[in-house]
């Protein structure tokens, strides 16, 4: 991904919420990365303490954390997000150190952000920060709707439309604010797209591990998935072609997908031999999760031979959530 960003002349600010690991962060430093993205003030503090000095918190500003933001801003180069004038007004009155900010822009995901044609809100945010220690850095978005795309072509359409909307905003405001940038950041778009004209910065995060969702979307090959949850087999139920593992919602989350057969699935169970997981032997999907229980279908010849005490690997639907739930990691 670092090479792709370089080839397209993009700034690369990877999102660290996927791995939340000092050690994995060092891999990025080895590639020359010196600016990162996080999703909370707590996470920003964690990575600032680990030596990162240029951090964007890609979550709209929580005005209850302004004291913590001030403490961070006196140590590192910090960027925050606004999507309401009220956030900007409070921050402008309380932040005493230099802080950059992006206007979070909603280009179709409808999770958070200012609509790109809502210039009244944008102008109110800009006025609230005029003459303060807050510096406008540009427009930032996350096209999370790519995760619901049904094809690679749909992902590219979402990416291109997001870029078009953001670039139009940049053209409107860049004379007044020279140097503002467009920042985008979903893994499907960043993995698949080959045209980033108009984009200045990318912030993907999930790509560091990938997962079953990205595989189903076409963002990666199976052999590029770099995270699995290792679970023991507890019981087997050959009469119904199922088995129980100690691996439930508290380990994997309840993020789900619809399989090609139309079934709800929570992960894919694959062999784990000599410390490594293998390729899928069949449709051995997790089909039911409760707090600690995970039930998977034993569809393949391999899984039908499993017995209590065996160890399997589960490819999670969403590695960001699984990695957050399971703090013990090994490579």
Protein backbone atom coordinates (compact mmCIF):
# COMPACT_ATOMS: atom_id res chain seq x y z
CA UNK A 1 0.00 0.00 0.00
CA UNK A 2 2.92 2.33 0.73
CA UNK A 3 4.31 1.61 -2.73
CA UNK A 4 0.91 2.24 -4.31
CA UNK A 5 0.60 5.59 -2.55
CA UNK A 6 4.09 6.55 -3.70
CA UNK A 7 3.36 5.52 -7.28
CA UNK A 8 0.25 7.73 -7.35
CA UNK A 9 1.89 10.69 -5.61
CA UNK A 10 -0.34 10.33 -2.53
CA UNK A 11 0.37 11.05 1.09
CA UNK A 12 -0.08 7.83 3.05
CA UNK A 13 -1.52 8.13 6.54
CA UNK A 14 -2.50 4.55 7.49
CA UNK A 15 -5.25 3.95 10.01
CA UNK A 16 -3.88 2.15 13.07
CA UNK A 17 -7.23 1.17 14.61
CA UNK A 18 -7.00 -2.22 12.89
CA UNK A 19 -3.87 -3.47 14.61
CA UNK A 20 -3.49 -1.09 17.60
CA UNK A 21 0.01 -2.49 18.01
CA UNK A 22 3.32 -0.75 18.69
CA UNK A 23 5.14 -3.64 17.03
CA UNK A 24 3.03 -3.56 13.86
CA UNK A 25 3.46 0.21 13.85
CA UNK A 26 7.21 -0.34 13.53
CA UNK A 27 6.60 -2.16 10.25
CA UNK A 28 5.14 1.07 8.89
CA UNK A 29 8.08 3.11 10.15
CA UNK A 30 10.36 0.70 8.31
CA UNK A 31 8.51 1.72 5.12
CA UNK A 32 9.16 5.40 5.81
CA UNK A 33 5.71 6.22 7.18
CA UNK A 34 5.69 9.04 9.73
CA UNK A 35 2.01 10.11 9.87
CA UNK A 36 -0.89 7.96 11.05
CA UNK A 37 -4.63 7.91 11.63
CA UNK A 38 -6.46 6.72 14.75
CA UNK A 39 -10.10 6.70 15.84
CA UNK A 40 -9.97 7.98 19.41
CA UNK A 41 -8.09 10.31 21.73
CA UNK A 42 -7.06 7.28 23.80
CA UNK A 43 -5.55 5.64 20.73
CA UNK A 44 -3.80 8.86 19.76
CA UNK A 45 -2.24 9.07 23.23
CA UNK A 46 -1.13 5.44 23.01
CA UNK A 47 0.70 5.96 19.72
CA UNK A 48 2.06 9.36 20.71
CA UNK A 49 3.65 7.65 23.71
CA UNK A 50 5.11 5.12 21.25
CA UNK A 51 6.86 7.91 19.35
CA UNK A 52 4.42 8.90 16.60
CA UNK A 53 4.41 12.67 16.15
CA UNK A 54 1.84 13.33 13.39
CA UNK A 55 -1.62 11.93 14.12
CA UNK A 56 -5.12 12.51 12.76
CA UNK A 57 -8.04 11.46 14.96
CA UNK A 58 -10.54 10.39 12.28
CA UNK A 59 -13.64 10.70 14.44
CA UNK A 60 -15.69 13.87 14.95
CA UNK A 61 -14.42 15.84 17.92
CA UNK A 62 -15.73 14.82 21.33
CA UNK A 63 -15.88 18.15 23.16
CA UNK A 64 -15.62 16.33 26.51
CA UNK A 65 -12.02 15.41 25.64
CA UNK A 66 -10.63 18.89 24.99
CA UNK A 67 -8.29 18.75 27.99
CA UNK A 68 -6.74 15.55 26.65
CA UNK A 69 -6.53 17.05 23.16
CA UNK A 70 -4.70 20.09 24.54
CA UNK A 71 -2.22 17.81 26.29
CA UNK A 72 -1.59 15.89 23.07
CA UNK A 73 -1.32 19.02 20.94
CA UNK A 74 1.56 20.38 23.00
CA UNK A 75 3.59 17.24 22.19
CA UNK A 76 2.68 16.25 18.63
CA UNK A 77 1.23 17.55 15.39
CA UNK A 78 -2.45 16.73 15.86
CA UNK A 79 -5.42 16.90 13.50
CA UNK A 80 -9.06 16.60 14.57
CA UNK A 81 -12.41 16.48 12.74
CA UNK A 82 -15.45 18.73 12.86
CA UNK A 83 -18.82 18.04 11.30
CA UNK A 84 -20.83 20.60 13.30
CA UNK A 85 -20.25 24.30 14.00
CA UNK A 86 -20.93 23.65 17.71
CA UNK A 87 -17.83 21.44 17.94
CA UNK A 88 -15.71 24.09 16.26
CA UNK A 89 -17.02 26.88 18.49
CA UNK A 90 -16.26 25.02 21.72
CA UNK A 91 -12.87 23.83 20.47
CA UNK A 92 -11.90 27.31 19.30
CA UNK A 93 -12.49 28.65 22.79
CA UNK A 94 -10.65 25.92 24.66
CA UNK A 95 -7.80 24.60 22.50
CA UNK A 96 -4.70 26.62 23.29
CA UNK A 97 -2.13 24.82 21.13
CA UNK A 98 -1.82 24.62 17.36
CA UNK A 99 -4.18 21.94 16.04
CA UNK A 100 -5.16 21.14 12.48
CA UNK A 101 -8.69 20.20 11.57
CA UNK A 102 -10.54 18.59 8.70
CA UNK A 103 -14.20 19.01 7.90
CA UNK A 104 -15.65 15.52 7.90
CA UNK A 105 -17.66 15.17 4.71
CA UNK A 106 -20.48 12.70 4.01
CA UNK A 107 -20.24 11.56 0.40
CA UNK A 108 -22.77 8.73 0.63
CA UNK A 109 -22.10 6.58 3.69
CA UNK A 110 -24.45 8.63 5.91
CA UNK A 111 -22.66 7.82 9.15
CA UNK A 112 -21.27 11.24 10.01
CA UNK A 113 -20.12 14.34 8.21
CA UNK A 114 -21.31 17.47 6.46
CA UNK A 115 -23.14 17.07 3.15
CA UNK A 116 -20.84 18.32 0.37
CA UNK A 117 -23.41 20.88 -0.80
CA UNK A 118 -24.06 22.21 2.73
CA UNK A 119 -21.92 25.31 2.36
CA UNK A 120 -23.74 27.09 5.17
CA UNK A 121 -22.48 24.55 7.73
CA UNK A 122 -19.01 24.57 6.20
CA UNK A 123 -18.87 28.37 6.38
CA UNK A 124 -20.03 28.35 10.00
CA UNK A 125 -17.23 25.96 10.93
CA UNK A 126 -14.67 28.08 9.09
CA UNK A 127 -15.89 31.27 10.75
CA UNK A 128 -15.81 29.66 14.20
CA UNK A 129 -12.12 28.85 13.83
CA UNK A 130 -10.99 32.04 12.11
CA UNK A 131 -8.16 33.72 14.00
CA UNK A 132 -7.76 30.84 16.49
CA UNK A 133 -5.10 28.19 17.03
CA UNK A 134 -7.11 25.86 14.77
CA UNK A 135 -5.89 25.51 11.18
CA UNK A 136 -8.15 24.25 8.38
CA UNK A 137 -6.45 21.31 6.62
CA UNK A 138 -9.12 20.25 4.13
CA UNK A 139 -11.94 17.79 3.56
CA UNK A 140 -11.88 14.22 4.83
CA UNK A 141 -14.21 11.29 4.20
CA UNK A 142 -14.59 7.56 4.73
CA UNK A 143 -16.57 5.83 1.99
CA UNK A 144 -17.72 3.00 4.22
CA UNK A 145 -20.53 2.22 1.80
CA UNK A 146 -17.95 0.33 -0.27
CA UNK A 147 -18.28 -2.41 2.35
CA UNK A 148 -21.86 -3.01 1.17
CA UNK A 149 -20.92 -3.05 -2.51
CA UNK A 150 -21.97 -6.05 -4.58
CA UNK A 151 -19.13 -5.87 -7.10
CA UNK A 152 -15.72 -4.38 -7.78
CA UNK A 153 -17.34 -2.06 -10.31
CA UNK A 154 -19.69 -0.72 -7.62
CA UNK A 155 -16.70 -0.05 -5.34
CA UNK A 156 -15.03 1.92 -8.12
CA UNK A 157 -18.22 3.90 -8.78
CA UNK A 158 -18.43 4.84 -5.07
CA UNK A 159 -14.75 5.79 -5.04
CA UNK A 160 -15.02 7.94 -8.16
CA UNK A 161 -18.14 9.74 -6.94
CA UNK A 162 -16.56 10.46 -3.54
CA UNK A 163 -13.46 11.85 -5.23
CA UNK A 164 -15.55 14.01 -7.56
CA UNK A 165 -17.56 15.54 -4.71
CA UNK A 166 -14.50 16.22 -2.55
CA UNK A 167 -12.46 17.66 -5.40
CA UNK A 168 -15.28 20.07 -6.22
CA UNK A 169 -15.24 21.24 -2.59
CA UNK A 170 -11.49 21.71 -2.70
CA UNK A 171 -11.77 23.84 -5.84
CA UNK A 172 -14.31 26.09 -4.13
CA UNK A 173 -12.20 26.74 -1.03
CA UNK A 174 -8.56 26.38 -2.06
CA UNK A 175 -8.06 30.03 -3.09
CA UNK A 176 -9.14 31.09 0.39
CA UNK A 177 -7.21 28.27 2.06
CA UNK A 178 -4.13 27.39 -0.01
CA UNK A 179 -2.71 23.98 0.74
CA UNK A 180 -5.93 22.26 1.81
CA UNK A 181 -6.12 18.60 0.88
CA UNK A 182 -8.59 15.81 0.16
CA UNK A 183 -8.22 12.78 2.44
CA UNK A 184 -9.99 9.47 1.75
CA UNK A 185 -9.54 6.14 3.36
CA UNK A 186 -11.52 2.92 2.91
CA UNK A 187 -9.58 -0.27 2.26
CA UNK A 188 -11.76 -1.56 -0.63
CA UNK A 189 -11.26 1.61 -2.67
CA UNK A 190 -7.59 1.97 -1.82
CA UNK A 191 -6.91 -1.68 -2.65
CA UNK A 192 -8.85 -1.87 -5.91
CA UNK A 193 -8.79 1.60 -7.49
CA UNK A 194 -6.15 2.59 -9.99
CA UNK A 195 -7.20 6.21 -10.43
CA UNK A 196 -6.67 8.66 -7.56
CA UNK A 197 -6.76 11.88 -9.55
CA UNK A 198 -7.89 14.65 -7.22
CA UNK A 199 -7.03 12.77 -4.03
CA UNK A 200 -4.13 14.00 -1.89
CA UNK A 201 -4.06 11.54 1.03
CA UNK A 202 -5.26 7.99 1.68
CA UNK A 203 -5.93 6.45 5.11
CA UNK A 204 -6.74 2.73 4.73
CA UNK A 205 -6.26 0.52 7.78
CA UNK A 206 -7.83 -2.90 7.35
CA UNK A 207 -5.43 -3.82 4.53
CA UNK A 208 -2.69 -4.57 7.07
CA UNK A 209 -4.54 -7.81 7.94
CA UNK A 210 -7.47 -8.00 5.49
CA UNK A 211 -10.27 -10.42 6.45
CA UNK A 212 -13.17 -12.47 5.13
CA UNK A 213 -15.18 -9.37 4.26
CA UNK A 214 -12.38 -7.94 2.12
CA UNK A 215 -11.91 -11.33 0.46
CA UNK A 216 -15.61 -11.48 -0.44
CA UNK A 217 -15.48 -7.90 -1.75
CA UNK A 218 -12.52 -8.70 -3.99
CA UNK A 219 -10.08 -6.41 -2.16
CA UNK A 220 -7.59 -9.21 -1.56
CA UNK A 221 -6.66 -12.80 -2.30
CA UNK A 222 -7.13 -15.39 0.43
CA UNK A 223 -3.36 -15.74 0.81
CA UNK A 224 -3.16 -12.02 1.61
CA UNK A 225 -5.29 -12.38 4.75
CA UNK A 226 -2.89 -11.94 7.66
CA UNK A 227 -5.05 -12.46 10.76
CA UNK A 228 -6.89 -15.42 12.21
CA UNK A 229 -8.34 -16.29 15.60
CA UNK A 230 -6.99 -19.58 16.94
CA UNK A 231 -9.66 -21.62 18.74
CA UNK A 232 -9.97 -25.07 20.34
CA UNK A 233 -12.61 -27.55 19.26
CA UNK A 234 -14.81 -28.34 22.27
CA UNK A 235 -17.49 -30.70 20.94
CA UNK A 236 -18.45 -32.30 17.63
CA UNK A 237 -21.96 -33.12 16.43
CA UNK A 238 -21.68 -35.39 13.37
CA UNK A 239 -25.42 -36.03 13.32
CA UNK A 240 -25.98 -32.42 12.28
CA UNK A 241 -22.62 -31.73 10.59
CA UNK A 242 -21.59 -29.12 13.14
CA UNK A 243 -18.94 -28.55 15.78
CA UNK A 244 -18.47 -26.23 18.75
CA UNK A 245 -15.40 -24.07 19.32
CA UNK A 246 -14.42 -21.83 22.19
CA UNK A 247 -14.65 -18.71 20.09
CA UNK A 248 -17.72 -16.53 20.33
CA UNK A 249 -18.87 -12.96 20.00
CA UNK A 250 -16.46 -11.75 22.69
CA UNK A 251 -13.59 -13.00 20.53
CA UNK A 252 -14.82 -12.36 16.98
CA UNK A 253 -17.60 -9.77 17.35
CA UNK A 254 -20.94 -10.43 15.67
CA UNK A 255 -19.96 -8.88 12.35
CA UNK A 256 -21.50 -11.06 9.67
CA UNK A 257 -21.68 -11.71 5.94
CA UNK A 258 -24.12 -13.42 3.63
CA UNK A 259 -22.46 -16.41 1.96
CA UNK A 260 -22.83 -17.22 -1.71
CA UNK A 261 -25.52 -19.73 -0.68
CA UNK A 262 -27.45 -16.98 1.09
CA UNK A 263 -26.59 -18.00 4.65
CA UNK A 264 -25.54 -15.70 7.50
CA UNK A 265 -21.91 -16.41 8.45
CA UNK A 266 -19.58 -15.07 11.15
CA UNK A 267 -16.23 -16.47 10.02
CA UNK A 268 -14.53 -19.25 8.08
CA UNK A 269 -12.88 -22.19 9.87
CA UNK A 270 -9.66 -23.49 8.30
CA UNK A 271 -6.92 -25.94 9.36
CA UNK A 272 -4.25 -24.82 11.82
CA UNK A 273 -1.16 -27.02 11.62
CA UNK A 274 2.32 -26.44 13.05
CA UNK A 275 1.55 -22.86 13.95
CA UNK A 276 0.15 -21.89 10.54
CA UNK A 277 -3.34 -21.74 9.11
CA UNK A 278 -4.10 -23.23 5.74
CA UNK A 279 -6.43 -22.68 2.83
CA UNK A 280 -10.15 -23.42 3.18
CA UNK A 281 -11.02 -27.08 2.79
CA UNK A 282 -14.69 -26.30 2.12
CA UNK A 283 -17.60 -24.21 3.33
CA UNK A 284 -16.77 -24.65 7.02
CA UNK A 285 -18.47 -21.44 8.10
CA UNK A 286 -19.29 -20.18 11.56
CA UNK A 287 -23.08 -20.05 11.49
CA UNK A 288 -23.95 -19.22 15.10
CA UNK A 289 -22.27 -17.10 17.78
CA UNK A 290 -23.14 -16.40 21.37
CA UNK A 291 -20.86 -14.96 24.03
CA UNK A 292 -18.23 -17.74 24.07
CA UNK A 293 -19.85 -20.39 21.86
CA UNK A 294 -19.12 -20.63 18.16
CA UNK A 295 -20.91 -23.21 16.01
CA UNK A 296 -19.55 -24.05 12.57
CA UNK A 297 -20.67 -26.39 9.84
CA UNK A 298 -18.42 -29.37 9.12
CA UNK A 299 -18.86 -29.47 5.37
CA UNK A 300 -15.38 -30.59 4.30
CA UNK A 301 -13.72 -33.98 4.72
CA UNK A 302 -11.11 -32.32 6.94
CA UNK A 303 -13.61 -30.80 9.34
CA UNK A 304 -15.60 -34.04 9.64
CA UNK A 305 -12.51 -35.64 11.22
CA UNK A 306 -12.08 -33.00 13.91
CA UNK A 307 -12.29 -34.08 17.54
CA UNK A 308 -12.36 -32.32 20.92
CA UNK A 309 -9.00 -30.75 21.70
CA UNK A 310 -8.05 -30.06 18.09
CA UNK A 311 -7.07 -26.50 17.19
CA UNK A 312 -8.56 -24.60 14.26
CA UNK A 313 -8.14 -21.12 12.82
CA UNK A 314 -11.05 -18.80 12.22
CA UNK A 315 -10.76 -16.16 9.53
CA UNK A 316 -12.80 -13.29 11.00
CA UNK A 317 -15.38 -11.37 9.03
CA UNK A 318 -13.87 -8.11 10.30
CA UNK A 319 -10.28 -8.21 11.53
CA UNK A 320 -10.45 -4.70 13.05
CA UNK A 321 -13.01 -5.84 15.61
CA UNK A 322 -11.39 -9.21 16.29
CA UNK A 323 -7.99 -7.58 16.83
CA UNK A 324 -9.53 -5.07 19.22
CA UNK A 325 -11.23 -7.83 21.22
CA UNK A 326 -8.15 -10.06 21.37
CA UNK A 327 -5.14 -8.17 22.69
CA UNK A 328 -2.87 -11.25 22.75
CA UNK A 329 -1.30 -11.51 19.31
CA UNK A 330 1.57 -13.54 17.90
CA UNK A 331 3.30 -13.49 14.54
